[in-house]
Protein backbone atom coordinates (compact mmCIF):
# COMPACT_ATOMS: atom_id res chain seq x y z
CA MET A 1 120.25 25.69 -121.02
CA VAL A 2 117.94 26.89 -123.77
CA GLU A 3 118.45 29.61 -126.37
CA VAL A 4 115.64 32.18 -126.38
CA CYS A 5 115.37 34.13 -129.64
CA PHE A 6 113.38 37.37 -129.80
CA PHE A 7 111.84 38.91 -132.92
CA GLY A 8 110.31 42.26 -133.82
CA ARG A 9 109.84 44.76 -131.01
CA LEU A 10 110.87 42.14 -128.44
CA ALA A 11 114.32 41.94 -130.04
CA ASP A 12 114.61 45.72 -129.68
CA ILE A 13 113.88 45.38 -125.96
CA ALA A 14 115.77 42.20 -125.03
CA GLY A 15 118.33 41.75 -127.79
CA LYS A 16 118.21 39.07 -130.46
CA HIS A 17 118.81 36.14 -128.14
CA GLN A 18 119.63 35.04 -124.61
CA HIS A 19 120.70 31.77 -123.08
CA VAL A 20 118.54 30.82 -120.11
CA GLU A 21 119.18 28.12 -117.54
CA ILE A 22 116.03 26.04 -117.22
CA THR A 23 115.50 24.96 -113.63
CA SER A 24 112.94 22.46 -112.36
CA ASP A 25 110.42 25.24 -111.62
CA ILE A 26 110.46 26.41 -115.28
CA GLN A 27 108.38 23.80 -117.10
CA THR A 28 106.14 25.72 -119.50
CA LEU A 29 106.46 28.69 -121.82
CA GLU A 30 104.33 30.67 -119.35
CA ASP A 31 106.88 29.94 -116.61
CA LEU A 32 109.68 31.15 -118.89
CA LEU A 33 107.79 34.33 -119.81
CA GLN A 34 107.25 35.08 -116.13
CA LEU A 35 110.95 34.57 -115.40
CA LEU A 36 112.05 36.83 -118.25
CA GLY A 37 109.41 39.43 -117.40
CA ALA A 38 110.55 39.51 -113.77
CA GLN A 39 114.03 40.46 -115.02
CA ASN A 40 112.83 43.21 -117.39
CA GLN A 41 109.64 45.23 -116.76
CA VAL A 42 109.48 46.60 -120.33
CA LEU A 43 109.72 43.06 -121.69
CA LYS A 44 106.98 41.92 -119.29
CA GLU A 45 104.70 44.68 -120.59
CA ALA A 46 105.45 43.62 -124.18
CA PHE A 47 104.63 39.98 -123.33
CA ASP A 48 101.23 41.16 -122.06
CA GLN A 49 100.35 42.64 -125.46
CA PRO A 50 98.13 40.50 -127.73
CA GLY A 51 99.43 38.80 -130.85
CA ASN A 52 102.87 37.60 -129.76
CA PHE A 53 103.95 34.28 -131.26
CA LEU A 54 105.72 31.45 -129.44
CA ALA A 55 107.62 28.48 -130.85
CA ILE A 56 109.56 25.58 -129.38
CA ASP A 57 112.27 24.21 -131.67
CA ASP A 58 110.64 25.90 -134.70
CA VAL A 59 107.14 24.53 -133.95
CA MET A 60 104.40 27.01 -133.05
CA ALA A 61 103.40 26.65 -129.41
CA SER A 62 101.12 28.02 -126.69
CA LYS A 63 101.94 29.32 -123.23
CA ASN A 64 100.93 26.02 -121.62
CA ASP A 65 103.32 23.89 -123.70
CA LYS A 66 106.17 22.17 -121.88
CA ILE A 67 109.72 23.30 -122.62
CA ILE A 68 111.52 20.31 -121.11
CA ASN A 69 114.36 19.28 -123.48
CA ALA A 70 113.77 22.29 -125.76
CA ARG A 71 116.86 23.62 -127.52
CA MET A 72 115.38 26.90 -128.80
CA ILE A 73 112.42 29.05 -127.84
CA SER A 74 111.28 31.77 -130.24
CA ILE A 75 109.19 34.70 -129.03
CA GLY A 76 108.03 37.41 -131.40
CA ALA A 77 105.85 40.46 -131.46
CA PRO A 78 103.39 41.02 -134.28
CA VAL A 79 104.73 42.90 -137.26
CA SER A 80 102.97 44.81 -140.00
CA GLY A 81 103.86 45.43 -143.55
CA GLY A 82 102.48 45.63 -146.99
């Protein structure tokens, strides 16, 4: 099981975090995003927006990175400020 933490607008949609059971068919961040998006259409649409960040165990990552043995996945939407 992996903890998925959401930030920015994604946290508003999905809550701050979820625990997700990682099965053998979920090997990459892209696989995880597809799983989560299939469960929540609004979240899927937010994932499709440019600029989201991904991290595996506090290390920036890309959608193709493997999540085997990950303890925490962070997914965040871009934020603005001044």
